[in-house]
Amino acid sequence: MNAPIAIIGAGGWGTALAVTMARQGKQVRLWSYEPYVVETMIATRENPLYLPAIRVPDSVVVSNSMSDVLADAGIVIIAAPSHVYRLVFSQMLPLVNPDMVFVSAAKGIENETLMRMSEVLADVAKPHFLPRIAAMSGPTFALEVARGEPTALVVASQDENLRRLLQGELSGPRFRLYTNPDLTGVEIAAAVKNIIAIAAGVVDGLGLGSNATAALITRGLVEITRLVVACGGKRETVSGLAGMGDLILTSYGNLSRNRRVGTALGQGRNLEEVLSNMRMVAEGVRTTKSTVALARKLKIEMPIAEKMYSVLYEGRKPQDAIHDLMERKLKEE
């Protein structure tokens, strides 16, 4: 496929993908809704707001014009935050066509509809055409990807030809893509692990030690598995890159925004204050709402997610939420 790759969203992840694809010799166009980001990237070849100190190759075309970025694109990677996914794709719709391939690179569940990101794209497009959609996920910090450090992730689609096409087009020497047919499982795992990472940060902020963190992450994996299976995904997906791999990275890694939110809460800081000091989105905060709503709808037990909801939205003290988890009725693993 010789057509350009369009990347919608010039946050840290979108910029890192642009840098990576350009290094692989691809034609890359990067769209940002912020004129300042576009102007600065063109002038300095850096994204100081979202990915500082990383040079963006001169071959990457950066623009505030969706029509320019999408024109004649073959692969369209959407790296916008999940809470604006519907709005962004609605703006894109008049400029795209059924011949394009769409890759969701966001991790979340829409609050209002409880849809996964691929479902949001299909829902917006369905009056006009049936889009070919895949999701890209896995243990990836944008900064490390942009530095060219070895990374393995997964591209998921129900369409075997599509996932193999994307694997071949997007993989590089230090950017390894595996394929997975379980689009549902990959997207649910990718979204829910952010909630567990917030909880892991809370444990760290409270100074409760490594034993507690390991136990919480392990039980968090159980909760992710329950929801994946209830939504029609495969249990084995959760033990792969989009599940366990991403959960470990996000829960333990120092670059994790979701973990940082939890750590600050555990240290007694107010959520509004924490979020106001973060330029980039911690997806787990909003995803907690939709995940808990989805679990209740499906009658799935997710105590960690429920307690994080109580901390984030009901004023529950983090130490009390952790105490509640430890005092739950004893049971088999």
C-alpha atoms as a PDB file:
ATOM      1  CA  MET A   1       0.000   0.000   0.000  1.00  0.00           C
ATOM      2  CA  ASN A   2       1.679   3.170  -1.239  1.00  0.00           C
ATOM      3  CA  ALA A   3      -0.968   5.622  -0.051  1.00  0.00           C
ATOM      4  CA  PRO A   4      -0.124   7.996   2.810  1.00  0.00           C
ATOM      5  CA  ILE A   5      -0.859   7.117   6.423  1.00  0.00           C
ATOM      6  CA  ALA A   6      -3.057   9.712   8.118  1.00  0.00           C
ATOM      7  CA  ILE A   7      -2.800  10.041  11.899  1.00  0.00           C
ATOM      8  CA  ILE A   8      -5.615  11.945  13.572  1.00  0.00           C
ATOM      9  CA  GLY A   9      -4.513  13.340  16.924  1.00  0.00           C
ATOM     10  CA  ALA A  10      -1.133  14.846  17.733  1.00  0.00           C
ATOM     11  CA  GLY A  11      -0.945  13.980  21.400  1.00  0.00           C
ATOM     12  CA  GLY A  12       1.946  11.926  22.697  1.00  0.00           C
ATOM     13  CA  TRP A  13       0.781   8.660  21.161  1.00  0.00           C
ATOM     14  CA  GLY A  14      -0.228  10.092  17.794  1.00  0.00           C
ATOM     15  CA  THR A  15       3.089  11.920  17.519  1.00  0.00           C
ATOM     16  CA  ALA A  16       5.049   8.812  18.521  1.00  0.00           C
ATOM     17  CA  LEU A  17       3.259   6.801  15.838  1.00  0.00           C
ATOM     18  CA  ALA A  18       4.013   9.493  13.253  1.00  0.00           C
ATOM     19  CA  VAL A  19       7.693   9.444  14.191  1.00  0.00           C
ATOM     20  CA  THR A  20       7.802   5.637  14.054  1.00  0.00           C
ATOM     21  CA  MET A  21       6.022   5.320  10.713  1.00  0.00           C
ATOM     22  CA  ALA A  22       8.190   8.040   9.149  1.00  0.00           C
ATOM     23  CA  ARG A  23      11.360   6.274  10.270  1.00  0.00           C
ATOM     24  CA  GLN A  24      10.085   3.216   8.437  1.00  0.00           C
ATOM     25  CA  GLY A  25       9.922   5.228   5.237  1.00  0.00           C
ATOM     26  CA  LYS A  26       6.149   5.718   5.175  1.00  0.00           C
ATOM     27  CA  GLN A  27       4.406   8.827   3.916  1.00  0.00           C
ATOM     28  CA  VAL A  28       2.879  10.261   7.089  1.00  0.00           C
ATOM     29  CA  ARG A  29       0.464  13.118   7.692  1.00  0.00           C
ATOM     30  CA  LEU A  30      -0.373  14.192  11.241  1.00  0.00           C
ATOM     31  CA  TRP A  31      -3.446  16.213  12.200  1.00  0.00           C
ATOM     32  CA  SER A  32      -3.737  18.347  15.336  1.00  0.00           C
ATOM     33  CA  TYR A  33      -6.744  20.449  16.347  1.00  0.00           C
ATOM     34  CA  GLU A  34      -4.414  22.868  18.144  1.00  0.00           C
ATOM     35  CA  PRO A  35      -2.928  25.473  15.752  1.00  0.00           C
ATOM     36  CA  TYR A  36      -0.131  26.195  18.243  1.00  0.00           C
ATOM     37  CA  VAL A  37       0.994  22.569  18.135  1.00  0.00           C
ATOM     38  CA  VAL A  38       0.991  22.575  14.338  1.00  0.00           C
ATOM     39  CA  GLU A  39       2.913  25.850  14.083  1.00  0.00           C
ATOM     40  CA  THR A  40       5.467  24.791  16.679  1.00  0.00           C
ATOM     41  CA  MET A  41       6.019  21.359  15.154  1.00  0.00           C
ATOM     42  CA  ILE A  42       6.537  22.864  11.711  1.00  0.00           C
ATOM     43  CA  ALA A  43       8.974  25.472  13.068  1.00  0.00           C
ATOM     44  CA  THR A  44      10.948  23.283  15.489  1.00  0.00           C
ATOM     45  CA  ARG A  45      10.129  19.697  14.436  1.00  0.00           C
ATOM     46  CA  GLU A  46       9.208  18.941  18.044  1.00  0.00           C
ATOM     47  CA  ASN A  47       5.917  18.603  19.920  1.00  0.00           C
ATOM     48  CA  PRO A  48       6.739  20.503  23.127  1.00  0.00           C
ATOM     49  CA  LEU A  49       3.315  20.039  24.705  1.00  0.00           C
ATOM     50  CA  TYR A  50       2.906  16.289  24.349  1.00  0.00           C
ATOM     51  CA  LEU A  51       6.231  14.712  23.389  1.00  0.00           C
ATOM     52  CA  PRO A  52       9.106  17.097  24.135  1.00  0.00           C
ATOM     53  CA  ALA A  53      12.718  16.423  23.139  1.00  0.00           C
ATOM     54  CA  ILE A  54      11.712  14.031  20.343  1.00  0.00           C
ATOM     55  CA  ARG A  55      12.514  15.139  16.815  1.00  0.00           C
ATOM     56  CA  VAL A  56       9.685  14.703  14.325  1.00  0.00           C
ATOM     57  CA  PRO A  57      11.170  13.770  10.934  1.00  0.00           C
ATOM     58  CA  ASP A  58      10.971  16.435   8.255  1.00  0.00           C
ATOM     59  CA  SER A  59       8.989  14.029   6.066  1.00  0.00           C
ATOM     60  CA  VAL A  60       5.983  14.129   8.460  1.00  0.00           C
ATOM     61  CA  VAL A  61       3.412  16.595   7.154  1.00  0.00           C
ATOM     62  CA  VAL A  62       1.775  18.336  10.127  1.00  0.00           C
ATOM     63  CA  SER A  63      -1.490  20.165   9.575  1.00  0.00           C
ATOM     64  CA  ASN A  64      -4.592  21.613  11.202  1.00  0.00           C
ATOM     65  CA  SER A  65      -6.596  20.746   8.066  1.00  0.00           C
ATOM     66  CA  MET A  66      -8.412  17.419   8.218  1.00  0.00           C
ATOM     67  CA  SER A  67      -9.099  17.481   4.510  1.00  0.00           C
ATOM     68  CA  ASP A  68      -5.407  17.890   3.681  1.00  0.00           C
ATOM     69  CA  VAL A  69      -4.367  15.113   6.068  1.00  0.00           C
ATOM     70  CA  LEU A  70      -7.031  12.649   4.908  1.00  0.00           C
ATOM     71  CA  ALA A  71      -6.752  13.273   1.171  1.00  0.00           C
ATOM     72  CA  ASP A  72      -5.843  10.012  -0.630  1.00  0.00           C
ATOM     73  CA  ALA A  73      -4.910   8.294   2.671  1.00  0.00           C
ATOM     74  CA  GLY A  74      -4.916   4.506   2.725  1.00  0.00           C
ATOM     75  CA  ILE A  75      -4.574   3.839   6.452  1.00  0.00           C
ATOM     76  CA  VAL A  76      -6.180   6.232   8.930  1.00  0.00           C
ATOM     77  CA  ILE A  77      -4.993   5.895  12.538  1.00  0.00           C
ATOM     78  CA  ILE A  78      -7.254   7.668  15.016  1.00  0.00           C
ATOM     79  CA  ALA A  79      -5.326   8.586  18.169  1.00  0.00           C
ATOM     80  CA  ALA A  80      -7.746  11.115  19.634  1.00  0.00           C
ATOM     81  CA  PRO A  81      -8.837  10.745  23.286  1.00  0.00           C
ATOM     82  CA  SER A  82     -11.770   8.354  23.667  1.00  0.00           C
ATOM     83  CA  HIS A  83     -14.178  10.964  25.051  1.00  0.00           C
ATOM     84  CA  VAL A  84     -13.978  12.991  21.810  1.00  0.00           C
ATOM     85  CA  TYR A  85     -13.860  10.004  19.454  1.00  0.00           C
ATOM     86  CA  ARG A  86     -17.423  10.380  18.234  1.00  0.00           C
ATOM     87  CA  LEU A  87     -17.028  14.108  17.644  1.00  0.00           C
ATOM     88  CA  VAL A  88     -13.717  13.747  15.814  1.00  0.00           C
ATOM     89  CA  PHE A  89     -14.903  10.929  13.551  1.00  0.00           C
ATOM     90  CA  SER A  90     -18.121  12.822  12.821  1.00  0.00           C
ATOM     91  CA  GLN A  91     -15.951  15.694  11.578  1.00  0.00           C
ATOM     92  CA  MET A  92     -13.897  13.257   9.507  1.00  0.00           C
ATOM     93  CA  LEU A  93     -16.879  11.482   7.948  1.00  0.00           C
ATOM     94  CA  PRO A  94     -17.413  13.762   4.927  1.00  0.00           C
ATOM     95  CA  LEU A  95     -13.699  13.387   4.110  1.00  0.00           C
ATOM     96  CA  VAL A  96     -13.297   9.604   4.299  1.00  0.00           C
ATOM     97  CA  ASN A  97     -14.416   6.720   2.086  1.00  0.00           C
ATOM     98  CA  PRO A  98     -14.949   2.929   2.199  1.00  0.00           C
ATOM     99  CA  ASP A  99     -11.566   2.237   0.592  1.00  0.00           C
ATOM    100  CA  MET A 100      -9.748   3.576   3.662  1.00  0.00           C
ATOM    101  CA  VAL A 101      -8.679   1.346   6.542  1.00  0.00           C
ATOM    102  CA  PHE A 102      -9.334   2.691  10.044  1.00  0.00           C
ATOM    103  CA  VAL A 103      -7.175   1.856  13.065  1.00  0.00           C
ATOM    104  CA  SER A 104      -8.354   2.818  16.531  1.00  0.00           C
ATOM    105  CA  ALA A 105      -5.420   3.752  18.727  1.00  0.00           C
ATOM    106  CA  ALA A 106      -7.407   4.962  21.754  1.00  0.00           C
ATOM    107  CA  LYS A 107      -8.262   3.024  24.906  1.00  0.00           C
ATOM    108  CA  GLY A 108     -11.658   3.675  26.405  1.00  0.00           C
ATOM    109  CA  ILE A 109     -15.379   2.941  26.573  1.00  0.00           C
ATOM    110  CA  GLU A 110     -17.788   5.721  25.650  1.00  0.00           C
ATOM    111  CA  ASN A 111     -19.625   6.981  28.737  1.00  0.00           C
ATOM    112  CA  GLU A 112     -22.972   7.720  27.093  1.00  0.00           C
ATOM    113  CA  THR A 113     -23.393   4.534  25.024  1.00  0.00           C
ATOM    114  CA  LEU A 114     -20.973   2.044  26.661  1.00  0.00           C
ATOM    115  CA  MET A 115     -19.552   1.400  23.187  1.00  0.00           C
ATOM    116  CA  ARG A 116     -15.983   0.409  22.463  1.00  0.00           C
ATOM    117  CA  MET A 117     -14.056   2.747  20.155  1.00  0.00           C
ATOM    118  CA  SER A 118     -14.437   0.523  17.090  1.00  0.00           C
ATOM    119  CA  GLU A 119     -18.173   0.438  17.764  1.00  0.00           C
ATOM    120  CA  VAL A 120     -18.265   4.227  17.948  1.00  0.00           C
ATOM    121  CA  LEU A 121     -16.573   4.459  14.542  1.00  0.00           C
ATOM    122  CA  ALA A 122     -18.983   1.937  13.022  1.00  0.00           C
ATOM    123  CA  ASP A 123     -21.958   3.694  14.593  1.00  0.00           C
ATOM    124  CA  VAL A 124     -21.000   7.073  13.146  1.00  0.00           C
ATOM    125  CA  ALA A 125     -20.241   5.641   9.705  1.00  0.00           C
ATOM    126  CA  LYS A 126     -23.185   3.236   9.347  1.00  0.00           C
ATOM    127  CA  PRO A 127     -25.615   5.628   7.615  1.00  0.00           C
ATOM    128  CA  HIS A 128     -23.020   6.011   4.859  1.00  0.00           C
ATOM    129  CA  PHE A 129     -20.806   2.906   4.641  1.00  0.00           C
ATOM    130  CA  LEU A 130     -19.451  -0.065   6.583  1.00  0.00           C
ATOM    131  CA  PRO A 131     -15.881   0.839   7.585  1.00  0.00           C
ATOM    132  CA  ARG A 132     -13.002  -1.629   7.830  1.00  0.00           C
ATOM    133  CA  ILE A 133     -11.819  -1.200  11.430  1.00  0.00           C
ATOM    134  CA  ALA A 134      -9.001  -2.575  13.547  1.00  0.00           C
ATOM    135  CA  ALA A 135      -7.672  -1.686  16.995  1.00  0.00           C
ATOM    136  CA  MET A 136      -4.020  -1.319  17.928  1.00  0.00           C
ATOM    137  CA  SER A 137      -3.106  -1.866  21.565  1.00  0.00           C
ATOM    138  CA  GLY A 138      -0.485  -3.230  23.934  1.00  0.00           C
ATOM    139  CA  PRO A 139       2.166  -2.175  26.447  1.00  0.00           C
ATOM    140  CA  THR A 140       3.326   1.090  24.897  1.00  0.00           C
ATOM    141  CA  PHE A 141       4.587   4.297  26.436  1.00  0.00           C
ATOM    142  CA  ALA A 142       4.657   6.924  23.689  1.00  0.00           C
ATOM    143  CA  LEU A 143       8.047   8.298  24.734  1.00  0.00           C
ATOM    144  CA  GLU A 144       9.759   4.914  24.503  1.00  0.00           C
ATOM    145  CA  VAL A 145       8.157   4.161  21.133  1.00  0.00           C
ATOM    146  CA  ALA A 146       9.279   7.550  19.824  1.00  0.00           C
ATOM    147  CA  ARG A 147      12.819   6.886  21.034  1.00  0.00           C
ATOM    148  CA  GLY A 148      12.831   3.721  18.947  1.00  0.00           C
ATOM    149  CA  GLU A 149      13.020   1.381  21.913  1.00  0.00           C
ATOM    150  CA  PRO A 150      11.806  -2.192  21.204  1.00  0.00           C
ATOM    151  CA  THR A 151       8.019  -2.461  21.401  1.00  0.00           C
ATOM    152  CA  ALA A 152       5.542  -5.290  20.827  1.00  0.00           C
ATOM    153  CA  LEU A 153       1.829  -4.715  20.464  1.00  0.00           C
ATOM    154  CA  VAL A 154      -1.236  -6.219  18.835  1.00  0.00           C
ATOM    155  CA  VAL A 155      -3.495  -5.285  15.946  1.00  0.00           C
ATOM    156  CA  ALA A 156      -6.979  -6.750  16.323  1.00  0.00           C
ATOM    157  CA  SER A 157      -9.741  -7.173  13.773  1.00  0.00           C
ATOM    158  CA  GLN A 158     -12.364  -9.762  12.923  1.00  0.00           C
ATOM    159  CA  ASP A 159     -11.155  -9.432   9.330  1.00  0.00           C
ATOM    160  CA  GLU A 160      -8.103 -11.663   8.863  1.00  0.00           C
ATOM    161  CA  ASN A 161      -7.020  -9.947   5.664  1.00  0.00           C
ATOM    162  CA  LEU A 162      -7.208  -6.559   7.342  1.00  0.00           C
ATOM    163  CA  ARG A 163      -5.160  -7.470  10.376  1.00  0.00           C
ATOM    164  CA  ARG A 164      -2.498  -9.120   8.215  1.00  0.00           C
ATOM    165  CA  LEU A 165      -2.402  -6.084   5.951  1.00  0.00           C
ATOM    166  CA  LEU A 166      -1.879  -3.775   8.915  1.00  0.00           C
ATOM    167  CA  GLN A 167       0.701  -6.069  10.476  1.00  0.00           C
ATOM    168  CA  GLY A 168       2.738  -5.891   7.288  1.00  0.00           C
ATOM    169  CA  GLU A 169       2.267  -2.166   6.714  1.00  0.00           C
ATOM    170  CA  LEU A 170       2.886  -0.891  10.249  1.00  0.00           C
ATOM    171  CA  SER A 171       5.504  -3.270  11.676  1.00  0.00           C
ATOM    172  CA  GLY A 172       9.141  -2.224  11.752  1.00  0.00           C
ATOM    173  CA  PRO A 173      12.495  -3.446  13.098  1.00  0.00           C
ATOM    174  CA  ARG A 174      11.716  -2.176  16.636  1.00  0.00           C
ATOM    175  CA  PHE A 175       7.931  -1.960  16.372  1.00  0.00           C
ATOM    176  CA  ARG A 176       6.551  -5.500  16.277  1.00  0.00           C
ATOM    177  CA  LEU A 177       2.866  -6.151  15.651  1.00  0.00           C
ATOM    178  CA  TYR A 178       1.093  -9.409  16.435  1.00  0.00           C
ATOM    179  CA  THR A 179      -2.374 -10.118  15.042  1.00  0.00           C
ATOM    180  CA  ASN A 180      -5.449 -11.051  17.072  1.00  0.00           C
ATOM    181  CA  PRO A 181      -8.993 -11.789  15.843  1.00  0.00           C
ATOM    182  CA  ASP A 182     -10.544 -10.835  19.199  1.00  0.00           C
ATOM    183  CA  LEU A 183     -11.371  -7.170  18.663  1.00  0.00           C
ATOM    184  CA  THR A 184     -13.788  -7.121  21.608  1.00  0.00           C
ATOM    185  CA  GLY A 185     -11.339  -8.631  24.078  1.00  0.00           C
ATOM    186  CA  VAL A 186      -8.464  -6.393  23.011  1.00  0.00           C
ATOM    187  CA  GLU A 187     -10.523  -3.205  23.337  1.00  0.00           C
ATOM    188  CA  ILE A 188     -12.125  -4.099  26.676  1.00  0.00           C
ATOM    189  CA  ALA A 189      -8.796  -5.139  28.198  1.00  0.00           C
ATOM    190  CA  ALA A 190      -7.113  -1.987  26.905  1.00  0.00           C
ATOM    191  CA  ALA A 191      -9.752   0.223  28.489  1.00  0.00           C
ATOM    192  CA  VAL A 192     -10.196  -1.461  31.863  1.00  0.00           C
ATOM    193  CA  LYS A 193      -6.505  -1.890  32.678  1.00  0.00           C
ATOM    194  CA  ASN A 194      -6.334   1.897  33.117  1.00  0.00           C
ATOM    195  CA  ILE A 195      -8.718   1.651  36.079  1.00  0.00           C
ATOM    196  CA  ILE A 196      -6.564  -1.013  37.713  1.00  0.00           C
ATOM    197  CA  ALA A 197      -3.522   1.196  37.136  1.00  0.00           C
ATOM    198  CA  ILE A 198      -5.216   4.032  39.027  1.00  0.00           C
ATOM    199  CA  ALA A 199      -5.877   1.615  41.885  1.00  0.00           C
ATOM    200  CA  ALA A 200      -2.236   0.471  41.823  1.00  0.00           C
ATOM    201  CA  GLY A 201      -1.202   4.099  42.084  1.00  0.00           C
ATOM    202  CA  VAL A 202      -3.502   4.559  45.074  1.00  0.00           C
ATOM    203  CA  VAL A 203      -1.818   1.628  46.813  1.00  0.00           C
ATOM    204  CA  ASP A 204       1.573   3.180  46.088  1.00  0.00           C
ATOM    205  CA  GLY A 205       0.438   6.618  47.276  1.00  0.00           C
ATOM    206  CA  LEU A 206      -0.794   5.116  50.526  1.00  0.00           C
ATOM    207  CA  GLY A 207       2.563   3.391  51.007  1.00  0.00           C
ATOM    208  CA  LEU A 208       1.033  -0.072  51.330  1.00  0.00           C
ATOM    209  CA  GLY A 209       3.924  -1.970  49.770  1.00  0.00           C
ATOM    210  CA  SER A 210       4.640  -4.344  46.907  1.00  0.00           C
ATOM    211  CA  ASN A 211       2.581  -7.229  48.279  1.00  0.00           C
ATOM    212  CA  ALA A 212      -0.595  -5.183  48.117  1.00  0.00           C
ATOM    213  CA  THR A 213       0.209  -3.850  44.644  1.00  0.00           C
ATOM    214  CA  ALA A 214       0.849  -7.330  43.239  1.00  0.00           C
ATOM    215  CA  ALA A 215      -2.346  -8.680  44.790  1.00  0.00           C
ATOM    216  CA  LEU A 216      -4.404  -5.795  43.454  1.00  0.00           C
ATOM    217  CA  ILE A 217      -3.037  -6.120  39.929  1.00  0.00           C
ATOM    218  CA  THR A 218      -3.641  -9.875  39.920  1.00  0.00           C
ATOM    219  CA  ARG A 219      -7.226  -9.484  41.115  1.00  0.00           C
ATOM    220  CA  GLY A 220      -7.617  -6.669  38.610  1.00  0.00           C
ATOM    221  CA  LEU A 221      -6.715  -9.112  35.855  1.00  0.00           C
ATOM    222  CA  VAL A 222      -9.583 -11.307  37.064  1.00  0.00           C
ATOM    223  CA  GLU A 223     -11.992  -8.381  36.766  1.00  0.00           C
ATOM    224  CA  ILE A 224     -10.798  -7.578  33.248  1.00  0.00           C
ATOM    225  CA  THR A 225     -11.267 -11.219  32.267  1.00  0.00           C
ATOM    226  CA  ARG A 226     -14.814 -11.317  33.611  1.00  0.00           C
ATOM    227  CA  LEU A 227     -15.839  -8.285  31.593  1.00  0.00           C
ATOM    228  CA  VAL A 228     -14.058  -9.441  28.429  1.00  0.00           C
ATOM    229  CA  VAL A 229     -15.849 -12.800  28.534  1.00  0.00           C
ATOM    230  CA  ALA A 230     -19.202 -11.227  29.385  1.00  0.00           C
ATOM    231  CA  CYS A 231     -18.858  -8.933  26.361  1.00  0.00           C
ATOM    232  CA  GLY A 232     -18.103 -11.862  24.071  1.00  0.00           C
ATOM    233  CA  GLY A 233     -14.316 -11.679  24.043  1.00  0.00           C
ATOM    234  CA  LYS A 234     -11.864 -14.504  24.633  1.00  0.00           C
ATOM    235  CA  ARG A 235     -10.336 -15.314  27.999  1.00  0.00           C
ATOM    236  CA  GLU A 236      -6.916 -15.994  26.459  1.00  0.00           C
ATOM    237  CA  THR A 237      -6.738 -12.457  25.072  1.00  0.00           C
ATOM    238  CA  VAL A 238      -6.352 -11.138  28.603  1.00  0.00           C
ATOM    239  CA  SER A 239      -3.115 -13.086  29.083  1.00  0.00           C
ATOM    240  CA  GLY A 240      -1.600 -11.415  26.004  1.00  0.00           C
ATOM    241  CA  LEU A 241      -0.099  -8.054  25.139  1.00  0.00           C
ATOM    242  CA  ALA A 242      -3.367  -6.085  25.239  1.00  0.00           C
ATOM    243  CA  GLY A 243      -4.281  -7.568  28.604  1.00  0.00           C
ATOM    244  CA  MET A 244      -1.563  -8.637  31.012  1.00  0.00           C
ATOM    245  CA  GLY A 245       1.195  -6.885  29.093  1.00  0.00           C
ATOM    246  CA  ASP A 246      -0.490  -3.491  29.093  1.00  0.00           C
ATOM    247  CA  LEU A 247      -1.744  -3.940  32.659  1.00  0.00           C
ATOM    248  CA  ILE A 248       1.760  -4.591  33.993  1.00  0.00           C
ATOM    249  CA  LEU A 249       3.235  -1.614  32.149  1.00  0.00           C
ATOM    250  CA  THR A 250       0.498   0.820  33.146  1.00  0.00           C
ATOM    251  CA  SER A 251       0.339  -0.314  36.755  1.00  0.00           C
ATOM    252  CA  TYR A 252       4.083  -0.283  37.431  1.00  0.00           C
ATOM    253  CA  GLY A 253       5.604   2.095  34.867  1.00  0.00           C
ATOM    254  CA  ASN A 254       6.744   5.551  35.958  1.00  0.00           C
ATOM    255  CA  LEU A 255       5.457   7.078  32.709  1.00  0.00           C
ATOM    256  CA  SER A 256       1.886   5.904  33.368  1.00  0.00           C
ATOM    257  CA  ARG A 257      -0.541   8.821  33.648  1.00  0.00           C
ATOM    258  CA  ASN A 258      -3.219   6.641  35.225  1.00  0.00           C
ATOM    259  CA  ARG A 259      -0.839   5.370  37.888  1.00  0.00           C
ATOM    260  CA  ARG A 260       0.232   8.965  38.613  1.00  0.00           C
ATOM    261  CA  VAL A 261      -3.387   9.966  39.168  1.00  0.00           C
ATOM    262  CA  GLY A 262      -3.839   7.124  41.647  1.00  0.00           C
ATOM    263  CA  THR A 263      -0.595   7.894  43.458  1.00  0.00           C
ATOM    264  CA  ALA A 264      -1.617  11.520  43.904  1.00  0.00           C
ATOM    265  CA  LEU A 265      -5.043  10.479  45.223  1.00  0.00           C
ATOM    266  CA  GLY A 266      -3.407   8.061  47.645  1.00  0.00           C
ATOM    267  CA  GLN A 267      -1.245  10.930  48.888  1.00  0.00           C
ATOM    268  CA  GLY A 268      -4.377  12.910  49.717  1.00  0.00           C
ATOM    269  CA  ARG A 269      -4.616  15.241  46.741  1.00  0.00           C
ATOM    270  CA  ASN A 270      -7.939  16.276  45.212  1.00  0.00           C
ATOM    271  CA  LEU A 271      -8.924  14.761  41.830  1.00  0.00           C
ATOM    272  CA  GLU A 272      -9.710  18.105  40.219  1.00  0.00           C
ATOM    273  CA  GLU A 273      -6.337  19.453  41.306  1.00  0.00           C
ATOM    274  CA  VAL A 274      -4.547  16.381  39.967  1.00  0.00           C
ATOM    275  CA  LEU A 275      -6.246  16.526  36.574  1.00  0.00           C
ATOM    276  CA  SER A 276      -5.792  20.283  36.237  1.00  0.00           C
ATOM    277  CA  ASN A 277      -2.028  19.781  36.411  1.00  0.00           C
ATOM    278  CA  MET A 278      -2.020  17.158  33.635  1.00  0.00           C
ATOM    279  CA  ARG A 279      -1.972  18.214  30.000  1.00  0.00           C
ATOM    280  CA  MET A 280      -2.442  14.704  28.637  1.00  0.00           C
ATOM    281  CA  VAL A 281      -5.550  12.626  29.326  1.00  0.00           C
ATOM    282  CA  ALA A 282      -5.603   9.846  31.927  1.00  0.00           C
ATOM    283  CA  GLU A 283      -8.186   7.694  30.156  1.00  0.00           C
ATOM    284  CA  GLY A 284      -8.967   5.578  33.207  1.00  0.00           C
ATOM    285  CA  VAL A 285     -10.746   8.416  35.016  1.00  0.00           C
ATOM    286  CA  ARG A 286     -13.599   8.650  32.501  1.00  0.00           C
ATOM    287  CA  THR A 287     -13.474   4.950  31.648  1.00  0.00           C
ATOM    288  CA  THR A 288     -14.237   4.090  35.276  1.00  0.00           C
ATOM    289  CA  LYS A 289     -17.751   5.484  34.781  1.00  0.00           C
ATOM    290  CA  SER A 290     -18.515   3.484  31.671  1.00  0.00           C
ATOM    291  CA  THR A 291     -16.858   0.301  32.934  1.00  0.00           C
ATOM    292  CA  VAL A 292     -18.837   0.266  36.160  1.00  0.00           C
ATOM    293  CA  ALA A 293     -22.044   0.997  34.241  1.00  0.00           C
ATOM    294  CA  LEU A 294     -21.281  -1.822  31.790  1.00  0.00           C
ATOM    295  CA  ALA A 295     -20.432  -4.262  34.601  1.00  0.00           C
ATOM    296  CA  ARG A 296     -23.684  -3.452  36.387  1.00  0.00           C
ATOM    297  CA  LYS A 297     -25.641  -3.863  33.146  1.00  0.00           C
ATOM    298  CA  LEU A 298     -24.080  -7.286  32.568  1.00  0.00           C
ATOM    299  CA  LYS A 299     -24.263  -8.192  36.283  1.00  0.00           C
ATOM    300  CA  ILE A 300     -20.498  -8.690  36.502  1.00  0.00           C
ATOM    301  CA  GLU A 301     -18.704  -8.368  39.848  1.00  0.00           C
ATOM    302  CA  MET A 302     -15.865  -5.839  39.596  1.00  0.00           C
ATOM    303  CA  PRO A 303     -15.063  -4.698  43.149  1.00  0.00           C
ATOM    304  CA  ILE A 304     -11.839  -2.845  42.317  1.00  0.00           C
ATOM    305  CA  ALA A 305     -13.522  -0.856  39.568  1.00  0.00           C
ATOM    306  CA  GLU A 306     -16.463  -0.142  41.882  1.00  0.00           C
ATOM    307  CA  LYS A 307     -14.177   1.148  44.628  1.00  0.00           C
ATOM    308  CA  MET A 308     -12.265   3.339  42.198  1.00  0.00           C
ATOM    309  CA  TYR A 309     -15.593   4.769  41.082  1.00  0.00           C
ATOM    310  CA  SER A 310     -16.436   5.557  44.709  1.00  0.00           C
ATOM    311  CA  VAL A 311     -13.078   7.338  45.118  1.00  0.00           C
ATOM    312  CA  LEU A 312     -13.242   9.267  41.845  1.00  0.00           C
ATOM    313  CA  TYR A 313     -16.914  10.229  41.854  1.00  0.00           C
ATOM    314  CA  GLU A 314     -18.428   9.709  45.292  1.00  0.00           C
ATOM    315  CA  GLY A 315     -15.816  11.223  47.586  1.00  0.00           C
ATOM    316  CA  ARG A 316     -14.732   7.950  49.177  1.00  0.00           C
ATOM    317  CA  LYS A 317     -11.330   8.182  50.848  1.00  0.00           C
ATOM    318  CA  PRO A 318      -8.723   6.017  49.111  1.00  0.00           C
ATOM    319  CA  GLN A 319      -7.672   4.330  52.349  1.00  0.00           C
ATOM    320  CA  ASP A 320     -11.293   3.425  53.086  1.00  0.00           C
ATOM    321  CA  ALA A 321     -11.757   1.975  49.597  1.00  0.00           C
ATOM    322  CA  ILE A 322      -8.697  -0.254  50.009  1.00  0.00           C
ATOM    323  CA  HIS A 323      -9.910  -1.283  53.462  1.00  0.00           C
ATOM    324  CA  ASP A 324     -13.275  -2.248  51.947  1.00  0.00           C
ATOM    325  CA  LEU A 325     -11.554  -4.452  49.384  1.00  0.00           C
ATOM    326  CA  MET A 326      -9.524  -6.257  52.049  1.00  0.00           C
ATOM    327  CA  GLU A 327     -12.567  -6.795  54.265  1.00  0.00           C
ATOM    328  CA  ARG A 328     -14.722  -8.401  51.576  1.00  0.00           C
ATOM    329  CA  LYS A 329     -16.141 -11.844  52.289  1.00  0.00           C
ATOM    330  CA  LEU A 330     -13.472 -14.570  52.121  1.00  0.00           C
ATOM    331  CA  LYS A 331     -13.753 -16.823  49.082  1.00  0.00           C
ATOM    332  CA  GLU A 332     -11.867 -19.188  46.764  1.00  0.00           C
ATOM    333  CA  GLU A 333      -9.545 -17.610  44.234  1.00  0.00           C
END
